[in-house]
N, C-alpha and C. Protein backbone atom coordinates (compact mmCIF):
# COMPACT_ATOMS: atom_id res chain seq x y z
N UNK A 1 65.04 -115.37 -54.50
CA UNK A 1 65.35 -114.21 -53.72
C UNK A 1 64.81 -114.42 -52.31
N UNK A 2 65.59 -114.01 -51.36
CA UNK A 2 65.12 -114.21 -50.00
C UNK A 2 64.17 -113.08 -49.60
N UNK A 3 63.54 -113.24 -48.48
CA UNK A 3 62.50 -112.30 -48.04
C UNK A 3 63.08 -110.95 -47.65
N UNK A 4 64.28 -110.95 -47.12
CA UNK A 4 64.89 -109.67 -46.73
C UNK A 4 65.12 -108.80 -47.96
N UNK A 5 65.53 -109.36 -49.05
CA UNK A 5 65.73 -108.61 -50.29
C UNK A 5 64.40 -108.09 -50.81
N UNK A 6 63.34 -108.93 -50.69
CA UNK A 6 62.02 -108.50 -51.14
C UNK A 6 61.52 -107.31 -50.30
N UNK A 7 61.78 -107.36 -48.98
CA UNK A 7 61.35 -106.26 -48.09
C UNK A 7 62.08 -104.98 -48.49
N UNK A 8 63.38 -105.06 -48.73
CA UNK A 8 64.14 -103.87 -49.13
C UNK A 8 63.67 -103.33 -50.47
N UNK A 9 63.30 -104.21 -51.38
CA UNK A 9 62.80 -103.76 -52.68
C UNK A 9 61.48 -103.02 -52.49
N UNK A 10 60.60 -103.54 -51.62
CA UNK A 10 59.30 -102.90 -51.37
C UNK A 10 59.52 -101.55 -50.69
N UNK A 11 60.42 -101.51 -49.69
CA UNK A 11 60.71 -100.24 -48.99
C UNK A 11 61.29 -99.23 -49.98
N UNK A 12 62.19 -99.69 -50.84
CA UNK A 12 62.78 -98.82 -51.86
C UNK A 12 61.71 -98.32 -52.82
N UNK A 13 60.78 -99.16 -53.19
CA UNK A 13 59.69 -98.76 -54.07
C UNK A 13 58.80 -97.72 -53.39
N UNK A 14 58.50 -97.92 -52.11
CA UNK A 14 57.67 -96.96 -51.35
C UNK A 14 58.38 -95.61 -51.26
N UNK A 15 59.70 -95.65 -50.94
CA UNK A 15 60.45 -94.39 -50.88
C UNK A 15 60.52 -93.71 -52.25
N UNK A 16 60.64 -94.48 -53.29
CA UNK A 16 60.66 -93.92 -54.65
C UNK A 16 59.35 -93.24 -54.98
N UNK A 17 58.25 -93.89 -54.65
CA UNK A 17 56.92 -93.30 -54.91
C UNK A 17 56.74 -92.04 -54.07
N UNK A 18 57.18 -92.09 -52.78
CA UNK A 18 57.07 -90.91 -51.91
C UNK A 18 57.90 -89.76 -52.47
N UNK A 19 59.12 -90.05 -52.91
CA UNK A 19 59.98 -89.00 -53.47
C UNK A 19 59.36 -88.42 -54.73
N UNK A 20 58.83 -89.25 -55.58
CA UNK A 20 58.21 -88.80 -56.82
C UNK A 20 56.99 -87.93 -56.52
N UNK A 21 56.17 -88.32 -55.54
CA UNK A 21 54.97 -87.52 -55.21
C UNK A 21 55.36 -86.18 -54.59
N UNK A 22 56.36 -86.18 -53.70
CA UNK A 22 56.81 -84.92 -53.11
C UNK A 22 57.40 -84.02 -54.19
N UNK A 23 58.17 -84.58 -55.11
CA UNK A 23 58.75 -83.79 -56.20
C UNK A 23 57.66 -83.20 -57.08
N UNK A 24 56.63 -83.96 -57.37
CA UNK A 24 55.52 -83.45 -58.19
C UNK A 24 54.79 -82.33 -57.48
N UNK A 25 54.55 -82.49 -56.20
CA UNK A 25 53.85 -81.45 -55.43
C UNK A 25 54.69 -80.18 -55.41
N UNK A 26 55.98 -80.32 -55.13
CA UNK A 26 56.84 -79.13 -55.10
C UNK A 26 56.96 -78.48 -56.47
N UNK A 27 57.02 -79.27 -57.52
CA UNK A 27 57.09 -78.70 -58.87
C UNK A 27 55.78 -77.98 -59.20
N UNK A 28 54.67 -78.54 -58.77
CA UNK A 28 53.37 -77.89 -59.02
C UNK A 28 53.28 -76.58 -58.25
N UNK A 29 53.82 -76.54 -57.06
CA UNK A 29 53.77 -75.31 -56.26
C UNK A 29 54.79 -74.29 -56.71
N UNK A 30 55.73 -74.72 -57.51
CA UNK A 30 56.76 -73.80 -57.98
C UNK A 30 56.13 -72.64 -58.73
N UNK A 31 55.16 -72.89 -59.55
CA UNK A 31 54.50 -71.83 -60.29
C UNK A 31 53.75 -70.91 -59.34
N UNK A 32 53.15 -71.48 -58.31
CA UNK A 32 52.42 -70.66 -57.33
C UNK A 32 53.39 -69.75 -56.61
N UNK A 33 54.55 -70.28 -56.23
CA UNK A 33 55.53 -69.47 -55.53
C UNK A 33 56.07 -68.36 -56.42
N UNK A 34 56.25 -68.65 -57.71
CA UNK A 34 56.71 -67.62 -58.62
C UNK A 34 55.68 -66.50 -58.74
N UNK A 35 54.40 -66.91 -58.84
CA UNK A 35 53.33 -65.91 -58.94
C UNK A 35 53.25 -65.08 -57.67
N UNK A 36 53.35 -65.75 -56.52
CA UNK A 36 53.30 -65.01 -55.24
C UNK A 36 54.49 -64.07 -55.12
N UNK A 37 55.65 -64.54 -55.56
CA UNK A 37 56.83 -63.69 -55.50
C UNK A 37 56.65 -62.46 -56.38
N UNK A 38 56.10 -62.64 -57.56
CA UNK A 38 55.84 -61.51 -58.44
C UNK A 38 54.87 -60.53 -57.83
N UNK A 39 53.79 -61.05 -57.24
CA UNK A 39 52.81 -60.18 -56.59
C UNK A 39 53.42 -59.43 -55.42
N UNK A 40 54.20 -60.16 -54.61
CA UNK A 40 54.85 -59.51 -53.46
C UNK A 40 55.86 -58.46 -53.91
N UNK A 41 56.56 -58.74 -55.00
CA UNK A 41 57.53 -57.76 -55.51
C UNK A 41 56.81 -56.49 -55.95
N UNK A 42 55.67 -56.65 -56.61
CA UNK A 42 54.89 -55.47 -57.03
C UNK A 42 54.36 -54.72 -55.82
N UNK A 43 53.84 -55.46 -54.83
CA UNK A 43 53.34 -54.81 -53.62
C UNK A 43 54.47 -54.08 -52.89
N UNK A 44 55.64 -54.71 -52.83
CA UNK A 44 56.78 -54.10 -52.17
C UNK A 44 57.20 -52.82 -52.89
N UNK A 45 57.25 -52.87 -54.21
CA UNK A 45 57.63 -51.70 -54.98
C UNK A 45 56.63 -50.57 -54.76
N UNK A 46 55.33 -50.90 -54.75
CA UNK A 46 54.31 -49.88 -54.51
C UNK A 46 54.41 -49.32 -53.09
N UNK A 47 54.69 -50.20 -52.13
CA UNK A 47 54.82 -49.75 -50.74
C UNK A 47 56.03 -48.82 -50.59
N UNK A 48 57.11 -49.14 -51.29
CA UNK A 48 58.30 -48.29 -51.23
C UNK A 48 58.01 -46.93 -51.85
N UNK A 49 57.29 -46.91 -52.97
CA UNK A 49 56.93 -45.64 -53.60
C UNK A 49 56.06 -44.81 -52.67
N UNK A 50 55.08 -45.46 -52.03
CA UNK A 50 54.20 -44.75 -51.11
C UNK A 50 54.98 -44.23 -49.91
N UNK A 51 55.90 -45.05 -49.39
CA UNK A 51 56.71 -44.62 -48.25
C UNK A 51 57.57 -43.42 -48.62
N UNK A 52 58.19 -43.47 -49.80
CA UNK A 52 59.02 -42.35 -50.23
C UNK A 52 58.20 -41.08 -50.39
N UNK A 53 56.98 -41.24 -50.94
CA UNK A 53 56.10 -40.08 -51.11
C UNK A 53 55.73 -39.49 -49.75
N UNK A 54 55.35 -40.36 -48.82
CA UNK A 54 54.99 -39.91 -47.48
C UNK A 54 56.18 -39.27 -46.78
N UNK A 55 57.35 -39.89 -46.93
CA UNK A 55 58.55 -39.34 -46.31
C UNK A 55 58.89 -37.97 -46.88
N UNK A 56 58.71 -37.79 -48.18
CA UNK A 56 58.98 -36.50 -48.81
C UNK A 56 58.01 -35.44 -48.30
N UNK A 57 56.74 -35.82 -48.17
CA UNK A 57 55.74 -34.87 -47.64
C UNK A 57 56.07 -34.49 -46.20
N UNK A 58 56.41 -35.48 -45.39
CA UNK A 58 56.74 -35.19 -43.99
C UNK A 58 58.01 -34.35 -43.89
N UNK A 59 58.97 -34.61 -44.75
CA UNK A 59 60.19 -33.81 -44.75
C UNK A 59 59.88 -32.37 -45.12
N UNK A 60 59.00 -32.19 -46.08
CA UNK A 60 58.61 -30.84 -46.49
C UNK A 60 57.92 -30.11 -45.32
N UNK A 61 57.02 -30.82 -44.64
CA UNK A 61 56.33 -30.21 -43.49
C UNK A 61 57.33 -29.86 -42.40
N UNK A 62 58.27 -30.78 -42.14
CA UNK A 62 59.27 -30.52 -41.11
C UNK A 62 60.17 -29.34 -41.48
N UNK A 63 60.53 -29.23 -42.76
CA UNK A 63 61.33 -28.09 -43.19
C UNK A 63 60.58 -26.78 -43.04
N UNK A 64 59.28 -26.79 -43.36
CA UNK A 64 58.47 -25.59 -43.17
C UNK A 64 58.40 -25.21 -41.69
N UNK A 65 58.20 -26.21 -40.84
CA UNK A 65 58.15 -25.94 -39.40
C UNK A 65 59.49 -25.44 -38.89
N UNK A 66 60.57 -25.99 -39.41
CA UNK A 66 61.89 -25.55 -38.99
C UNK A 66 62.14 -24.11 -39.40
N UNK A 67 61.72 -23.75 -40.61
CA UNK A 67 61.90 -22.36 -41.03
C UNK A 67 61.02 -21.43 -40.20
N UNK A 68 59.81 -21.87 -39.85
CA UNK A 68 58.93 -21.06 -38.99
C UNK A 68 59.56 -20.88 -37.62
N UNK A 69 60.12 -21.95 -37.08
CA UNK A 69 60.77 -21.88 -35.77
C UNK A 69 61.96 -20.93 -35.83
N UNK A 70 62.75 -21.00 -36.91
CA UNK A 70 63.90 -20.11 -37.06
C UNK A 70 63.44 -18.66 -37.13
N UNK A 71 62.37 -18.40 -37.89
CA UNK A 71 61.84 -17.04 -37.98
C UNK A 71 61.35 -16.55 -36.61
N UNK A 72 60.66 -17.43 -35.90
CA UNK A 72 60.15 -17.04 -34.58
C UNK A 72 61.28 -16.80 -33.59
N UNK A 73 62.36 -17.59 -33.69
CA UNK A 73 63.51 -17.36 -32.82
C UNK A 73 64.13 -16.00 -33.11
N UNK A 74 64.23 -15.66 -34.41
CA UNK A 74 64.75 -14.34 -34.78
C UNK A 74 63.88 -13.22 -34.25
N UNK A 75 62.57 -13.38 -34.38
CA UNK A 75 61.65 -12.36 -33.86
C UNK A 75 61.74 -12.27 -32.35
N UNK A 76 61.87 -13.42 -31.69
CA UNK A 76 62.00 -13.44 -30.23
C UNK A 76 63.27 -12.72 -29.79
N UNK A 77 64.37 -12.98 -30.49
CA UNK A 77 65.62 -12.29 -30.15
C UNK A 77 65.47 -10.79 -30.35
N UNK A 78 64.81 -10.41 -31.44
CA UNK A 78 64.59 -8.99 -31.71
C UNK A 78 63.73 -8.36 -30.61
N UNK A 79 62.68 -9.07 -30.21
CA UNK A 79 61.80 -8.54 -29.16
C UNK A 79 62.55 -8.47 -27.82
N UNK A 80 63.40 -9.44 -27.55
CA UNK A 80 64.18 -9.39 -26.31
C UNK A 80 65.14 -8.20 -26.32
N UNK A 81 65.74 -7.93 -27.48
CA UNK A 81 66.62 -6.77 -27.61
C UNK A 81 65.82 -5.48 -27.38
N UNK A 82 64.64 -5.40 -28.00
CA UNK A 82 63.79 -4.23 -27.80
C UNK A 82 63.38 -4.10 -26.34
N UNK A 83 63.08 -5.23 -25.71
CA UNK A 83 62.69 -5.20 -24.30
C UNK A 83 63.83 -4.69 -23.43
N UNK A 84 65.04 -5.14 -23.74
CA UNK A 84 66.20 -4.68 -22.97
C UNK A 84 66.43 -3.19 -23.17
N UNK A 85 66.26 -2.72 -24.41
CA UNK A 85 66.41 -1.29 -24.68
C UNK A 85 65.36 -0.49 -23.91
N UNK A 86 64.12 -0.97 -23.93
CA UNK A 86 63.06 -0.27 -23.21
C UNK A 86 63.31 -0.29 -21.70
N UNK A 87 63.84 -1.40 -21.20
CA UNK A 87 64.15 -1.46 -19.77
C UNK A 87 65.24 -0.45 -19.43
N UNK A 88 66.25 -0.32 -20.30
CA UNK A 88 67.31 0.68 -20.07
C UNK A 88 66.74 2.09 -20.12
N UNK A 89 65.87 2.35 -21.10
CA UNK A 89 65.23 3.66 -21.20
C UNK A 89 64.36 3.94 -19.99
N UNK A 90 63.69 2.91 -19.48
CA UNK A 90 62.87 3.07 -18.28
C UNK A 90 63.72 3.41 -17.07
N UNK A 91 64.87 2.76 -16.95
CA UNK A 91 65.79 3.08 -15.84
C UNK A 91 66.28 4.51 -15.94
N UNK A 92 66.62 4.93 -17.18
CA UNK A 92 67.08 6.30 -17.38
C UNK A 92 65.97 7.27 -17.04
N UNK A 93 64.75 6.97 -17.51
CA UNK A 93 63.61 7.84 -17.21
C UNK A 93 63.33 7.87 -15.72
N UNK A 94 63.45 6.75 -15.06
CA UNK A 94 63.22 6.70 -13.60
C UNK A 94 64.28 7.52 -12.88
N UNK A 95 65.55 7.39 -13.31
CA UNK A 95 66.62 8.20 -12.70
C UNK A 95 66.39 9.68 -12.95
N UNK A 96 65.93 10.03 -14.17
CA UNK A 96 65.62 11.43 -14.47
C UNK A 96 64.48 11.93 -13.58
N UNK A 97 63.48 11.07 -13.38
CA UNK A 97 62.35 11.45 -12.52
C UNK A 97 62.82 11.69 -11.10
N UNK A 98 63.67 10.81 -10.58
CA UNK A 98 64.19 10.99 -9.22
C UNK A 98 65.01 12.27 -9.13
N UNK A 99 65.81 12.52 -10.17
CA UNK A 99 66.62 13.74 -10.18
C UNK A 99 65.72 14.97 -10.23
N UNK A 100 64.67 14.92 -11.04
CA UNK A 100 63.72 16.03 -11.14
C UNK A 100 63.00 16.25 -9.80
N UNK A 101 62.66 15.14 -9.13
CA UNK A 101 62.02 15.27 -7.81
C UNK A 101 62.96 15.93 -6.82
N UNK A 102 64.24 15.50 -6.86
CA UNK A 102 65.22 16.11 -5.95
C UNK A 102 65.40 17.59 -6.25
N UNK A 103 65.52 17.92 -7.55
CA UNK A 103 65.67 19.33 -7.93
C UNK A 103 64.44 20.14 -7.53
N UNK A 104 63.25 19.56 -7.74
CA UNK A 104 62.02 20.26 -7.37
C UNK A 104 61.97 20.47 -5.86
N UNK A 105 62.37 19.45 -5.12
CA UNK A 105 62.38 19.57 -3.66
C UNK A 105 63.37 20.66 -3.24
N UNK A 106 64.56 20.68 -3.85
CA UNK A 106 65.55 21.70 -3.51
C UNK A 106 65.05 23.08 -3.90
N UNK A 107 64.39 23.17 -5.07
CA UNK A 107 63.83 24.44 -5.48
C UNK A 107 62.71 24.89 -4.56
N UNK A 108 61.86 23.93 -4.18
CA UNK A 108 60.73 24.24 -3.32
C UNK A 108 61.22 24.68 -1.94
N UNK A 109 62.22 24.02 -1.41
CA UNK A 109 62.74 24.41 -0.10
C UNK A 109 63.57 25.68 -0.20
N UNK A 110 64.19 25.92 -1.31
CA UNK A 110 64.99 27.14 -1.50
C UNK A 110 64.11 28.36 -1.65
N UNK A 111 62.89 28.20 -2.14
CA UNK A 111 61.96 29.30 -2.35
C UNK A 111 61.34 29.74 -1.05
N UNK A 112 61.24 28.87 -0.14
CA UNK A 112 60.54 29.21 1.09
C UNK A 112 61.37 29.97 2.01
């Protein structure tokens, strides 16, 4: 056999040993990756449950605040209506007062 064939055989043997060692390492880590995947899946499931719980609580708080805001808007509208009614009554009372002053002045001047 010539030397070039011997060199290729040695290189092929080195590549074979390298491939075998890499395959063994990856196969050994396969179990580690499966275990990590299982742990991460459990953590993910727990995180999703916690997120859903937190989201439900926040939604409940937001719904309560929304109902409070709606109630306050209704009360505000009612108070604005009452304010407008009182302002109208005040204008009427002011007009009545002016009319009474005019009548009193006419009466006072008519008496003299």
